[in-house]
């Protein structure tokens, strides 16, 4: 679809078009709803990750728990999966948010004028403190959130390495050594496979939709 086809579909060139006004109102509402959902999803994952961190350090703090480093390895893998899911969820939310923002840019000219596209910025800063600390800065809040998720992913990876090392370090040469190593490897591999499946098979379907129609008939005899 090119610009001409888009303009024709939504009648963007007609100032009093009811279709254009309805589309603009719908896009504005969906965009606000998508932003609200973004932060709700983030809060959901923050809660899960906080519980995972609490569980991890509670296990390590226990003095009499058997196999506590192996259990901490399992919890750190769970936290890693939760955090990777948060990272992908943030990117998915950003995808849909940008979709509706692009629609808003294209539809607004003959409804409100170029309001959303027009930025009113300070011409300069009064002093160095305002420039570095107190003044506004053009940064994306959602992108900052995604960088936080990346940092937490690497934090979990560090904890996985630490727990795996501490759990395997006391092992001596025995017939059970390779079995124990295999169990540890399986836990880590399972977490990585789940993340790979989320990334590879969790993407939005954008191809042509051809749903099957089933009509149910209801009547009184």
N, C-alpha and C. Protein backbone atom coordinates (compact mmCIF):
# COMPACT_ATOMS: atom_id res chain seq x y z
N UNK A 1 0.85 -1.20 0.00
CA UNK A 1 0.00 0.00 0.00
C UNK A 1 0.88 1.25 0.00
N UNK A 2 0.60 2.17 -0.91
CA UNK A 2 1.34 3.43 -0.93
C UNK A 2 0.50 4.54 -0.30
N UNK A 3 1.05 5.77 -0.30
CA UNK A 3 0.37 6.89 0.35
C UNK A 3 -0.98 7.18 -0.29
N UNK A 4 -1.05 7.08 -1.61
CA UNK A 4 -2.30 7.37 -2.32
C UNK A 4 -3.40 6.38 -1.92
N UNK A 5 -3.05 5.10 -1.85
CA UNK A 5 -4.03 4.09 -1.45
C UNK A 5 -4.49 4.29 -0.01
N UNK A 6 -3.55 4.65 0.85
CA UNK A 6 -3.89 4.89 2.26
C UNK A 6 -4.86 6.07 2.37
N UNK A 7 -4.54 7.16 1.67
CA UNK A 7 -5.40 8.35 1.71
C UNK A 7 -6.81 8.03 1.21
N UNK A 8 -6.89 7.17 0.19
CA UNK A 8 -8.19 6.81 -0.37
C UNK A 8 -8.98 5.95 0.60
N UNK A 9 -8.33 5.03 1.28
CA UNK A 9 -9.03 4.13 2.20
C UNK A 9 -9.64 4.88 3.38
N UNK A 10 -8.90 5.87 3.90
CA UNK A 10 -9.37 6.57 5.11
C UNK A 10 -9.82 8.00 4.83
N UNK A 11 -9.84 8.39 3.55
CA UNK A 11 -10.33 9.71 3.14
C UNK A 11 -9.59 10.83 3.88
N UNK A 12 -8.27 10.71 3.95
CA UNK A 12 -7.50 11.69 4.69
C UNK A 12 -7.47 13.07 4.03
N UNK A 13 -7.82 13.13 2.76
CA UNK A 13 -7.83 14.43 2.08
C UNK A 13 -9.12 15.20 2.28
N UNK A 14 -10.14 14.57 2.87
CA UNK A 14 -11.44 15.22 3.08
C UNK A 14 -11.53 15.70 4.52
N UNK A 15 -11.65 17.01 4.69
CA UNK A 15 -11.60 17.60 6.03
C UNK A 15 -12.81 17.21 6.88
N UNK A 16 -14.00 17.12 6.28
CA UNK A 16 -15.21 16.82 7.03
C UNK A 16 -15.66 15.36 6.88
N UNK A 17 -14.75 14.50 6.51
CA UNK A 17 -15.10 13.09 6.32
C UNK A 17 -15.43 12.41 7.65
N UNK A 18 -16.59 11.78 7.70
CA UNK A 18 -16.98 11.05 8.90
C UNK A 18 -16.09 9.81 9.11
N UNK A 19 -15.70 9.19 7.99
CA UNK A 19 -14.80 8.03 8.08
C UNK A 19 -13.46 8.44 8.69
N UNK A 20 -12.93 9.58 8.26
CA UNK A 20 -11.65 10.07 8.77
C UNK A 20 -11.74 10.37 10.27
N UNK A 21 -12.81 11.04 10.68
CA UNK A 21 -12.98 11.39 12.09
C UNK A 21 -13.13 10.14 12.95
N UNK A 22 -13.90 9.18 12.46
CA UNK A 22 -14.10 7.94 13.21
C UNK A 22 -12.79 7.16 13.33
N UNK A 23 -12.03 7.11 12.24
CA UNK A 23 -10.74 6.42 12.25
C UNK A 23 -9.77 7.10 13.21
N UNK A 24 -9.76 8.43 13.19
CA UNK A 24 -8.86 9.18 14.07
C UNK A 24 -9.20 8.94 15.54
N UNK A 25 -10.50 8.97 15.87
CA UNK A 25 -10.93 8.73 17.25
C UNK A 25 -10.59 7.32 17.70
N UNK A 26 -10.80 6.36 16.80
CA UNK A 26 -10.49 4.97 17.14
C UNK A 26 -9.00 4.77 17.37
N UNK A 27 -8.19 5.33 16.50
CA UNK A 27 -6.74 5.20 16.62
C UNK A 27 -6.24 5.85 17.91
N UNK A 28 -6.78 7.03 18.26
CA UNK A 28 -6.37 7.72 19.48
C UNK A 28 -6.67 6.87 20.71
N UNK A 29 -7.86 6.27 20.74
CA UNK A 29 -8.25 5.44 21.89
C UNK A 29 -7.39 4.17 21.98
N UNK A 30 -7.15 3.53 20.82
CA UNK A 30 -6.37 2.29 20.83
C UNK A 30 -4.93 2.57 21.26
N UNK A 31 -4.38 3.70 20.81
CA UNK A 31 -3.01 4.06 21.20
C UNK A 31 -2.91 4.24 22.71
N UNK A 32 -3.86 4.97 23.31
CA UNK A 32 -3.86 5.15 24.76
C UNK A 32 -4.00 3.81 25.48
N UNK A 33 -4.87 2.96 24.95
CA UNK A 33 -5.08 1.64 25.54
C UNK A 33 -3.81 0.79 25.45
N UNK A 34 -3.11 0.89 24.32
CA UNK A 34 -1.88 0.11 24.12
C UNK A 34 -0.78 0.55 25.09
N UNK A 35 -0.69 1.87 25.33
CA UNK A 35 0.30 2.37 26.29
C UNK A 35 -0.03 1.90 27.70
N UNK A 36 -1.32 1.92 28.03
CA UNK A 36 -1.76 1.43 29.34
C UNK A 36 -1.43 -0.05 29.52
N UNK A 37 -1.67 -0.83 28.46
CA UNK A 37 -1.36 -2.26 28.52
C UNK A 37 0.15 -2.49 28.65
N UNK A 38 0.94 -1.64 28.00
CA UNK A 38 2.40 -1.78 28.07
C UNK A 38 2.86 -1.76 29.52
N UNK A 39 2.39 -0.77 30.29
CA UNK A 39 2.83 -0.65 31.67
C UNK A 39 2.19 -1.69 32.58
N UNK A 40 1.00 -2.14 32.25
CA UNK A 40 0.39 -3.23 33.02
C UNK A 40 1.19 -4.52 32.85
N UNK A 41 1.60 -4.79 31.61
CA UNK A 41 2.43 -5.98 31.37
C UNK A 41 3.76 -5.87 32.09
N UNK A 42 4.36 -4.66 32.05
CA UNK A 42 5.64 -4.45 32.73
C UNK A 42 5.50 -4.70 34.23
N UNK A 43 4.41 -4.20 34.82
CA UNK A 43 4.17 -4.41 36.25
C UNK A 43 4.01 -5.89 36.58
N UNK A 44 3.32 -6.61 35.71
CA UNK A 44 3.13 -8.06 35.88
C UNK A 44 4.48 -8.79 35.90
N UNK A 45 5.35 -8.45 34.96
CA UNK A 45 6.65 -9.12 34.91
C UNK A 45 7.56 -8.66 36.05
N UNK A 46 7.47 -7.38 36.44
CA UNK A 46 8.27 -6.92 37.58
C UNK A 46 7.94 -7.73 38.83
N UNK A 47 6.64 -7.99 39.02
CA UNK A 47 6.22 -8.76 40.20
C UNK A 47 6.80 -10.18 40.17
N UNK A 48 6.72 -10.83 39.00
CA UNK A 48 7.26 -12.19 38.88
C UNK A 48 8.77 -12.22 39.10
N UNK A 49 9.46 -11.23 38.53
CA UNK A 49 10.92 -11.19 38.65
C UNK A 49 11.33 -10.88 40.09
N UNK A 50 10.60 -9.99 40.76
CA UNK A 50 10.90 -9.68 42.16
C UNK A 50 10.74 -10.92 43.04
N UNK A 51 9.68 -11.70 42.79
CA UNK A 51 9.48 -12.94 43.54
C UNK A 51 10.63 -13.92 43.27
N UNK A 52 11.06 -14.00 42.01
CA UNK A 52 12.17 -14.90 41.67
C UNK A 52 13.46 -14.48 42.36
N UNK A 53 13.75 -13.17 42.39
CA UNK A 53 14.95 -12.69 43.10
C UNK A 53 14.86 -13.00 44.59
N UNK A 54 13.68 -12.76 45.17
CA UNK A 54 13.50 -13.04 46.60
C UNK A 54 13.71 -14.52 46.89
N UNK A 55 13.14 -15.38 46.04
CA UNK A 55 13.32 -16.82 46.22
C UNK A 55 14.76 -17.24 46.08
N UNK A 56 15.45 -16.65 45.11
CA UNK A 56 16.86 -17.01 44.87
C UNK A 56 17.71 -16.72 46.10
N UNK A 57 17.61 -15.49 46.62
CA UNK A 57 18.47 -15.11 47.73
C UNK A 57 18.01 -15.74 49.05
N UNK A 58 16.72 -16.08 49.14
CA UNK A 58 16.25 -16.81 50.32
C UNK A 58 16.86 -18.21 50.37
N UNK A 59 16.96 -18.84 49.23
CA UNK A 59 17.58 -20.17 49.16
C UNK A 59 19.06 -20.09 49.54
N UNK A 60 19.76 -19.11 49.00
CA UNK A 60 21.19 -18.98 49.32
C UNK A 60 21.42 -18.64 50.79
N UNK A 61 20.47 -17.91 51.38
CA UNK A 61 20.64 -17.51 52.78
C UNK A 61 20.37 -18.66 53.73
N UNK A 62 19.73 -19.70 53.25
CA UNK A 62 19.42 -20.84 54.11
C UNK A 62 20.69 -21.65 54.40
N UNK A 63 20.90 -21.98 55.65
CA UNK A 63 22.12 -22.70 56.04
C UNK A 63 21.96 -24.21 56.03
N UNK A 64 20.74 -24.68 56.15
CA UNK A 64 20.54 -26.12 56.30
C UNK A 64 19.75 -26.74 55.14
N UNK A 65 19.58 -26.00 54.06
CA UNK A 65 18.83 -26.54 52.92
C UNK A 65 19.75 -27.41 52.07
N UNK A 66 19.39 -28.68 51.84
CA UNK A 66 20.23 -29.54 50.99
C UNK A 66 20.16 -29.12 49.53
N UNK A 67 21.25 -29.22 48.82
CA UNK A 67 21.32 -28.89 47.39
C UNK A 67 20.85 -27.47 47.10
N UNK A 68 21.19 -26.55 47.99
CA UNK A 68 20.64 -25.19 47.83
C UNK A 68 21.19 -24.50 46.57
N UNK A 69 22.40 -24.82 46.16
CA UNK A 69 22.93 -24.18 44.95
C UNK A 69 22.26 -24.71 43.69
N UNK A 70 21.90 -25.99 43.70
CA UNK A 70 21.16 -26.53 42.57
C UNK A 70 19.76 -25.93 42.51
N UNK A 71 19.13 -25.77 43.68
CA UNK A 71 17.80 -25.15 43.72
C UNK A 71 17.87 -23.68 43.29
N UNK A 72 18.95 -23.00 43.69
CA UNK A 72 19.12 -21.61 43.25
C UNK A 72 19.35 -21.53 41.74
N UNK A 73 19.98 -22.56 41.18
CA UNK A 73 20.15 -22.62 39.73
C UNK A 73 18.79 -22.71 39.03
N UNK A 74 17.90 -23.54 39.56
CA UNK A 74 16.56 -23.67 38.98
C UNK A 74 15.81 -22.34 39.05
N UNK A 75 15.87 -21.69 40.21
CA UNK A 75 15.17 -20.41 40.38
C UNK A 75 15.76 -19.34 39.47
N UNK A 76 17.08 -19.32 39.32
CA UNK A 76 17.70 -18.33 38.44
C UNK A 76 17.33 -18.57 36.98
N UNK A 77 17.15 -19.82 36.59
CA UNK A 77 16.69 -20.11 35.23
C UNK A 77 15.25 -19.65 35.03
N UNK A 78 14.42 -19.84 36.06
CA UNK A 78 13.04 -19.35 36.00
C UNK A 78 13.03 -17.83 35.86
N UNK A 79 13.85 -17.15 36.68
CA UNK A 79 13.95 -15.69 36.59
C UNK A 79 14.43 -15.23 35.23
N UNK A 80 15.39 -15.97 34.67
CA UNK A 80 15.90 -15.64 33.33
C UNK A 80 14.79 -15.73 32.28
N UNK A 81 13.98 -16.79 32.34
CA UNK A 81 12.88 -16.97 31.38
C UNK A 81 11.85 -15.86 31.54
N UNK A 82 11.49 -15.54 32.80
CA UNK A 82 10.54 -14.45 33.05
C UNK A 82 11.05 -13.14 32.47
N UNK A 83 12.33 -12.85 32.68
CA UNK A 83 12.90 -11.58 32.23
C UNK A 83 12.99 -11.52 30.71
N UNK A 84 13.35 -12.65 30.09
CA UNK A 84 13.41 -12.68 28.63
C UNK A 84 12.00 -12.50 28.04
N UNK A 85 11.00 -13.09 28.71
CA UNK A 85 9.61 -12.89 28.27
C UNK A 85 9.20 -11.43 28.40
N UNK A 86 9.65 -10.77 29.48
CA UNK A 86 9.38 -9.34 29.66
C UNK A 86 10.02 -8.53 28.55
N UNK A 87 11.26 -8.87 28.20
CA UNK A 87 11.96 -8.17 27.12
C UNK A 87 11.20 -8.28 25.79
N UNK A 88 10.77 -9.51 25.45
CA UNK A 88 10.02 -9.70 24.20
C UNK A 88 8.66 -9.04 24.25
N UNK A 89 8.00 -9.12 25.42
CA UNK A 89 6.69 -8.49 25.57
C UNK A 89 6.79 -6.97 25.40
N UNK A 90 7.86 -6.38 25.91
CA UNK A 90 8.07 -4.94 25.76
C UNK A 90 8.25 -4.56 24.30
N UNK A 91 9.00 -5.38 23.57
CA UNK A 91 9.19 -5.11 22.14
C UNK A 91 7.90 -5.28 21.35
N UNK A 92 7.10 -6.29 21.74
CA UNK A 92 5.82 -6.49 21.07
C UNK A 92 4.88 -5.33 21.33
N UNK A 93 4.84 -4.85 22.57
CA UNK A 93 4.00 -3.70 22.91
C UNK A 93 4.45 -2.46 22.15
N UNK A 94 5.76 -2.28 22.06
CA UNK A 94 6.32 -1.14 21.32
C UNK A 94 5.94 -1.20 19.84
N UNK A 95 5.91 -2.41 19.29
CA UNK A 95 5.53 -2.59 17.88
C UNK A 95 4.12 -2.07 17.63
N UNK A 96 3.17 -2.48 18.49
CA UNK A 96 1.79 -2.06 18.29
C UNK A 96 1.59 -0.59 18.63
N UNK A 97 2.32 -0.09 19.62
CA UNK A 97 2.22 1.33 19.95
C UNK A 97 2.67 2.19 18.77
N UNK A 98 3.78 1.81 18.15
CA UNK A 98 4.27 2.57 16.99
C UNK A 98 3.31 2.46 15.81
N UNK A 99 2.66 1.30 15.67
CA UNK A 99 1.68 1.13 14.60
C UNK A 99 0.58 2.18 14.70
N UNK A 100 0.01 2.33 15.91
CA UNK A 100 -1.08 3.30 16.09
C UNK A 100 -0.58 4.72 16.07
N UNK A 101 0.65 4.97 16.49
CA UNK A 101 1.21 6.32 16.41
C UNK A 101 1.44 6.73 14.96
N UNK A 102 1.85 5.79 14.12
CA UNK A 102 2.02 6.09 12.69
C UNK A 102 0.68 6.40 12.04
N UNK A 103 -0.36 5.63 12.42
CA UNK A 103 -1.70 5.94 11.91
C UNK A 103 -2.12 7.35 12.34
N UNK A 104 -1.84 7.69 13.60
CA UNK A 104 -2.21 9.00 14.12
C UNK A 104 -1.52 10.11 13.33
N UNK A 105 -0.24 9.92 13.01
CA UNK A 105 0.49 10.90 12.20
C UNK A 105 -0.17 11.11 10.84
N UNK A 106 -0.62 10.02 10.23
CA UNK A 106 -1.17 10.10 8.88
C UNK A 106 -2.60 10.62 8.85
N UNK A 107 -3.34 10.45 9.94
CA UNK A 107 -4.77 10.80 9.94
C UNK A 107 -5.06 12.19 10.49
N UNK A 108 -4.15 12.77 11.28
CA UNK A 108 -4.51 13.93 12.08
C UNK A 108 -4.60 15.25 11.32
N UNK A 109 -3.97 15.37 10.16
CA UNK A 109 -3.86 16.67 9.50
C UNK A 109 -5.19 17.36 9.27
N UNK A 110 -6.21 16.63 8.80
CA UNK A 110 -7.50 17.23 8.51
C UNK A 110 -8.52 17.04 9.63
N UNK A 111 -8.04 16.63 10.81
CA UNK A 111 -8.93 16.51 11.97
C UNK A 111 -8.53 17.53 13.04
N UNK A 112 -7.30 17.46 13.50
CA UNK A 112 -6.80 18.40 14.52
C UNK A 112 -5.65 19.26 14.00
N UNK A 113 -5.24 19.05 12.75
CA UNK A 113 -4.01 19.65 12.29
C UNK A 113 -2.84 18.79 12.75
N UNK A 114 -1.60 19.17 12.39
CA UNK A 114 -0.44 18.32 12.73
C UNK A 114 -0.06 18.44 14.20
N UNK A 115 -1.03 18.20 15.10
CA UNK A 115 -0.81 18.39 16.53
C UNK A 115 0.17 17.38 17.10
N UNK A 116 -0.05 16.12 16.83
CA UNK A 116 0.78 15.06 17.40
C UNK A 116 2.20 15.10 16.83
N UNK A 117 2.33 15.55 15.59
CA UNK A 117 3.64 15.58 14.93
C UNK A 117 4.45 16.82 15.29
N UNK A 118 3.81 17.82 15.91
CA UNK A 118 4.48 19.07 16.20
C UNK A 118 5.02 19.07 17.63
N UNK A 119 6.31 19.24 17.78
CA UNK A 119 6.96 19.26 19.09
C UNK A 119 7.33 20.69 19.47
N UNK A 120 7.02 21.08 20.69
CA UNK A 120 7.39 22.39 21.20
C UNK A 120 8.48 22.19 22.26
N UNK A 121 9.71 22.54 21.91
CA UNK A 121 10.85 22.29 22.78
C UNK A 121 11.46 23.59 23.29
N UNK A 122 12.19 23.48 24.38
CA UNK A 122 12.91 24.65 24.90
C UNK A 122 14.01 25.04 23.91
N UNK A 123 14.17 26.33 23.68
CA UNK A 123 15.24 26.76 22.76
C UNK A 123 16.64 26.54 23.33
N UNK A 124 16.73 26.46 24.65
CA UNK A 124 18.04 26.25 25.27
C UNK A 124 17.87 26.07 26.77
N UNK A 125 19.00 25.86 27.45
CA UNK A 125 18.98 25.67 28.90
C UNK A 125 19.58 26.89 29.60
N UNK A 126 19.04 27.20 30.78
CA UNK A 126 19.49 28.37 31.52
C UNK A 126 20.91 28.16 32.05
N UNK A 127 21.17 26.97 32.58
CA UNK A 127 22.48 26.68 33.17
C UNK A 127 22.82 25.21 32.99
N UNK A 128 24.00 24.84 33.45
CA UNK A 128 24.48 23.46 33.28
C UNK A 128 23.67 22.48 34.12
N UNK A 129 23.19 22.93 35.29
CA UNK A 129 22.39 22.06 36.15
C UNK A 129 21.08 21.68 35.45
N UNK A 130 20.45 22.66 34.81
CA UNK A 130 19.21 22.38 34.09
C UNK A 130 19.47 21.47 32.90
N UNK A 131 20.59 21.67 32.23
CA UNK A 131 20.93 20.85 31.07
C UNK A 131 21.19 19.40 31.46
N UNK A 132 21.85 19.18 32.60
CA UNK A 132 22.25 17.83 32.97
C UNK A 132 21.29 17.13 33.91
N UNK A 133 20.51 17.90 34.71
CA UNK A 133 19.73 17.28 35.77
C UNK A 133 18.25 17.65 35.72
N UNK A 134 17.92 18.90 35.83
CA UNK A 134 16.53 19.32 36.06
C UNK A 134 15.73 19.56 34.80
N UNK A 135 16.39 19.77 33.68
CA UNK A 135 15.67 20.08 32.45
C UNK A 135 15.12 18.83 31.76
N UNK A 136 14.21 19.03 30.81
CA UNK A 136 13.66 17.89 30.06
C UNK A 136 14.70 17.29 29.12
N UNK A 137 14.50 16.02 28.81
CA UNK A 137 15.42 15.32 27.92
C UNK A 137 14.62 14.42 26.99
N UNK A 138 14.94 14.47 25.72
CA UNK A 138 14.21 13.67 24.73
C UNK A 138 14.68 12.21 24.76
N UNK A 139 14.11 11.44 25.68
CA UNK A 139 14.40 10.01 25.76
C UNK A 139 13.08 9.25 25.73
N UNK A 140 13.14 8.04 25.24
CA UNK A 140 11.96 7.17 25.20
C UNK A 140 11.87 6.38 26.49
N UNK A 141 10.78 6.57 27.23
CA UNK A 141 10.60 5.85 28.49
C UNK A 141 10.53 4.35 28.25
N UNK A 142 9.86 3.94 27.18
CA UNK A 142 9.74 2.51 26.89
C UNK A 142 11.09 1.90 26.52
N UNK A 143 11.93 2.65 25.82
CA UNK A 143 13.26 2.13 25.48
C UNK A 143 14.13 1.98 26.73
N UNK A 144 14.01 2.93 27.66
CA UNK A 144 14.74 2.81 28.92
C UNK A 144 14.31 1.54 29.64
N UNK A 145 13.00 1.29 29.63
CA UNK A 145 12.47 0.08 30.26
C UNK A 145 13.03 -1.18 29.61
N UNK A 146 13.18 -1.16 28.29
CA UNK A 146 13.74 -2.32 27.59
C UNK A 146 15.22 -2.52 27.93
N UNK A 147 15.96 -1.42 28.09
CA UNK A 147 17.36 -1.56 28.49
C UNK A 147 17.48 -2.12 29.90
N UNK A 148 16.53 -1.75 30.76
CA UNK A 148 16.52 -2.33 32.11
C UNK A 148 16.32 -3.84 32.03
N UNK A 149 15.40 -4.27 31.15
CA UNK A 149 15.15 -5.71 31.01
C UNK A 149 16.39 -6.43 30.49
N UNK A 150 17.15 -5.79 29.59
CA UNK A 150 18.39 -6.39 29.09
C UNK A 150 19.40 -6.55 30.23
N UNK A 151 19.50 -5.52 31.07
CA UNK A 151 20.42 -5.59 32.22
C UNK A 151 20.02 -6.72 33.17
N UNK A 152 18.73 -6.86 33.42
CA UNK A 152 18.26 -7.92 34.33
C UNK A 152 18.51 -9.30 33.71
N UNK A 153 18.37 -9.42 32.38
CA UNK A 153 18.68 -10.69 31.70
C UNK A 153 20.12 -11.10 31.98
N UNK A 154 21.06 -10.15 31.83
CA UNK A 154 22.46 -10.47 32.08
C UNK A 154 22.74 -10.71 33.56
N UNK A 155 21.97 -10.06 34.43
CA UNK A 155 22.10 -10.34 35.86
C UNK A 155 21.72 -11.78 36.17
N UNK A 156 20.62 -12.24 35.57
CA UNK A 156 20.20 -13.63 35.77
C UNK A 156 21.22 -14.61 35.19
N UNK A 157 21.80 -14.26 34.06
CA UNK A 157 22.82 -15.13 33.48
C UNK A 157 24.01 -15.26 34.43
N UNK A 158 24.39 -14.15 35.07
CA UNK A 158 25.50 -14.19 36.03
C UNK A 158 25.15 -15.08 37.22
N UNK A 159 23.91 -14.98 37.69
CA UNK A 159 23.49 -15.81 38.82
C UNK A 159 23.41 -17.28 38.42
N UNK A 160 23.01 -17.56 37.18
CA UNK A 160 22.98 -18.95 36.69
C UNK A 160 24.39 -19.54 36.70
N UNK A 161 25.36 -18.76 36.20
CA UNK A 161 26.75 -19.24 36.15
C UNK A 161 27.28 -19.46 37.57
N UNK A 162 26.96 -18.51 38.46
CA UNK A 162 27.42 -18.64 39.84
C UNK A 162 26.84 -19.88 40.51
N UNK A 163 25.52 -20.07 40.37
CA UNK A 163 24.86 -21.21 41.02
C UNK A 163 25.35 -22.54 40.45
N UNK A 164 25.52 -22.58 39.13
CA UNK A 164 26.00 -23.81 38.49
C UNK A 164 27.42 -24.13 38.97
N UNK A 165 28.26 -23.11 39.05
CA UNK A 165 29.64 -23.34 39.50
C UNK A 165 29.68 -23.83 40.95
N UNK A 166 28.92 -23.14 41.82
CA UNK A 166 28.93 -23.52 43.23
C UNK A 166 28.33 -24.91 43.45
N UNK A 167 27.34 -25.26 42.63
CA UNK A 167 26.70 -26.56 42.78
C UNK A 167 27.61 -27.69 42.30
N UNK A 168 28.37 -27.44 41.24
CA UNK A 168 29.22 -28.49 40.66
C UNK A 168 30.62 -28.52 41.26
N UNK A 169 31.04 -27.43 41.88
CA UNK A 169 32.40 -27.32 42.37
C UNK A 169 32.80 -28.39 43.39
N UNK A 170 31.92 -28.74 44.34
CA UNK A 170 32.35 -29.74 45.34
C UNK A 170 32.42 -31.17 44.81
N UNK A 171 32.00 -31.39 43.58
CA UNK A 171 31.95 -32.76 43.07
C UNK A 171 33.34 -33.41 43.01
N UNK A 172 33.40 -34.60 43.46
CA UNK A 172 34.62 -35.38 43.27
C UNK A 172 34.41 -36.34 42.11
N UNK A 173 35.40 -37.13 41.82
CA UNK A 173 35.27 -38.10 40.75
C UNK A 173 34.46 -39.27 41.25
N UNK A 174 33.29 -39.47 40.70
CA UNK A 174 32.42 -40.57 41.11
C UNK A 174 31.56 -40.98 39.93
N UNK A 175 30.90 -42.11 40.09
CA UNK A 175 30.07 -42.60 38.99
C UNK A 175 28.85 -41.72 38.77
N UNK A 176 28.51 -40.88 39.77
CA UNK A 176 27.34 -40.01 39.64
C UNK A 176 27.70 -38.61 39.11
N UNK A 177 28.98 -38.38 38.88
CA UNK A 177 29.40 -37.03 38.50
C UNK A 177 28.77 -36.59 37.18
N UNK A 178 28.84 -37.43 36.17
CA UNK A 178 28.31 -37.03 34.86
C UNK A 178 26.79 -36.92 34.87
N UNK A 179 26.13 -37.73 35.69
CA UNK A 179 24.68 -37.62 35.83
C UNK A 179 24.30 -36.28 36.43
N UNK A 180 25.03 -35.86 37.44
CA UNK A 180 24.77 -34.57 38.08
C UNK A 180 25.02 -33.41 37.12
N UNK A 181 26.13 -33.50 36.41
CA UNK A 181 26.43 -32.46 35.41
C UNK A 181 25.34 -32.42 34.35
N UNK A 182 24.87 -33.59 33.93
CA UNK A 182 23.82 -33.65 32.93
C UNK A 182 22.52 -33.01 33.40
N UNK A 183 22.17 -33.22 34.67
CA UNK A 183 20.96 -32.61 35.23
C UNK A 183 21.09 -31.08 35.24
N UNK A 184 22.25 -30.60 35.64
CA UNK A 184 22.49 -29.15 35.64
C UNK A 184 22.38 -28.59 34.23
N UNK A 185 23.01 -29.27 33.28
CA UNK A 185 22.97 -28.80 31.89
C UNK A 185 21.53 -28.81 31.35
N UNK A 186 20.77 -29.81 31.74
CA UNK A 186 19.38 -29.91 31.28
C UNK A 186 18.55 -28.71 31.75
N UNK A 187 18.73 -28.31 33.01
CA UNK A 187 17.99 -27.17 33.56
C UNK A 187 18.29 -25.89 32.77
N UNK A 188 19.59 -25.65 32.54
CA UNK A 188 19.98 -24.44 31.81
C UNK A 188 19.51 -24.52 30.36
N UNK A 189 19.67 -25.70 29.74
CA UNK A 189 19.26 -25.87 28.34
C UNK A 189 17.75 -25.69 28.18
N UNK A 190 16.98 -26.18 29.14
CA UNK A 190 15.53 -26.04 29.08
C UNK A 190 15.13 -24.57 29.08
N UNK A 191 15.78 -23.77 29.91
CA UNK A 191 15.50 -22.33 29.96
C UNK A 191 15.83 -21.66 28.63
N UNK A 192 16.97 -22.02 28.05
CA UNK A 192 17.38 -21.44 26.76
C UNK A 192 16.44 -21.85 25.63
N UNK A 193 16.01 -23.12 25.64
CA UNK A 193 15.09 -23.60 24.60
C UNK A 193 13.75 -22.87 24.68
N UNK A 194 13.24 -22.67 25.90
CA UNK A 194 11.98 -21.94 26.06
C UNK A 194 12.11 -20.52 25.53
N UNK A 195 13.23 -19.87 25.82
CA UNK A 195 13.46 -18.51 25.31
C UNK A 195 13.55 -18.50 23.79
N UNK A 196 14.21 -19.50 23.23
CA UNK A 196 14.32 -19.60 21.77
C UNK A 196 12.94 -19.80 21.15
N UNK A 197 12.11 -20.63 21.75
CA UNK A 197 10.75 -20.87 21.23
C UNK A 197 9.90 -19.61 21.32
N UNK A 198 10.04 -18.87 22.41
CA UNK A 198 9.29 -17.61 22.54
C UNK A 198 9.69 -16.64 21.44
N UNK A 199 11.01 -16.55 21.19
CA UNK A 199 11.50 -15.61 20.18
C UNK A 199 11.14 -16.06 18.76
N UNK A 200 11.25 -17.37 18.52
CA UNK A 200 11.03 -17.88 17.16
C UNK A 200 9.59 -18.07 16.78
N UNK A 201 8.75 -18.48 17.75
CA UNK A 201 7.37 -18.83 17.43
C UNK A 201 6.34 -17.95 18.14
N UNK A 202 6.80 -16.88 18.76
CA UNK A 202 5.87 -16.00 19.46
C UNK A 202 5.58 -14.71 18.73
N UNK A 203 5.97 -14.62 17.46
CA UNK A 203 5.80 -13.37 16.73
C UNK A 203 4.38 -13.23 16.20
N UNK A 204 3.99 -11.97 16.00
CA UNK A 204 2.66 -11.67 15.50
C UNK A 204 2.48 -12.18 14.07
N UNK A 205 1.34 -12.81 13.81
CA UNK A 205 1.04 -13.30 12.47
C UNK A 205 0.58 -12.12 11.60
N UNK A 206 1.30 -11.87 10.50
CA UNK A 206 0.99 -10.72 9.65
C UNK A 206 0.59 -11.12 8.23
N UNK A 207 0.48 -12.41 7.99
CA UNK A 207 0.11 -12.86 6.65
C UNK A 207 -1.41 -12.78 6.45
N UNK A 208 -1.87 -13.16 5.28
CA UNK A 208 -3.28 -13.11 4.96
C UNK A 208 -4.07 -14.05 5.87
N UNK A 209 -5.20 -13.56 6.39
CA UNK A 209 -6.06 -14.35 7.25
C UNK A 209 -7.22 -14.93 6.44
N UNK A 210 -7.44 -16.20 6.58
CA UNK A 210 -8.57 -16.86 5.91
C UNK A 210 -9.31 -17.73 6.92
N UNK A 211 -10.08 -17.10 7.81
CA UNK A 211 -10.76 -17.88 8.85
C UNK A 211 -11.89 -18.74 8.28
N UNK A 212 -12.14 -19.84 8.96
CA UNK A 212 -13.24 -20.72 8.58
C UNK A 212 -14.51 -20.25 9.29
N UNK A 213 -15.57 -20.09 8.53
CA UNK A 213 -16.83 -19.60 9.08
C UNK A 213 -17.72 -20.78 9.45
N UNK A 214 -18.18 -20.78 10.68
CA UNK A 214 -19.12 -21.80 11.15
C UNK A 214 -20.37 -21.07 11.66
N UNK A 215 -21.49 -21.32 11.03
CA UNK A 215 -22.73 -20.66 11.43
C UNK A 215 -23.61 -21.65 12.21
N UNK A 216 -24.00 -21.25 13.40
CA UNK A 216 -24.84 -22.09 14.23
C UNK A 216 -26.29 -21.64 14.12
N UNK A 217 -27.16 -22.57 13.85
CA UNK A 217 -28.57 -22.24 13.70
C UNK A 217 -29.33 -22.64 14.96
N UNK A 218 -30.08 -21.70 15.49
CA UNK A 218 -30.87 -21.96 16.68
C UNK A 218 -32.33 -21.55 16.43
N UNK A 219 -33.27 -22.48 16.69
CA UNK A 219 -34.69 -22.15 16.53
C UNK A 219 -35.53 -23.09 17.40
N UNK A 220 -36.69 -22.64 17.71
CA UNK A 220 -37.63 -23.45 18.50
C UNK A 220 -38.53 -24.23 17.57
N UNK A 221 -38.60 -25.51 17.78
CA UNK A 221 -39.44 -26.36 16.92
C UNK A 221 -40.91 -26.18 17.27
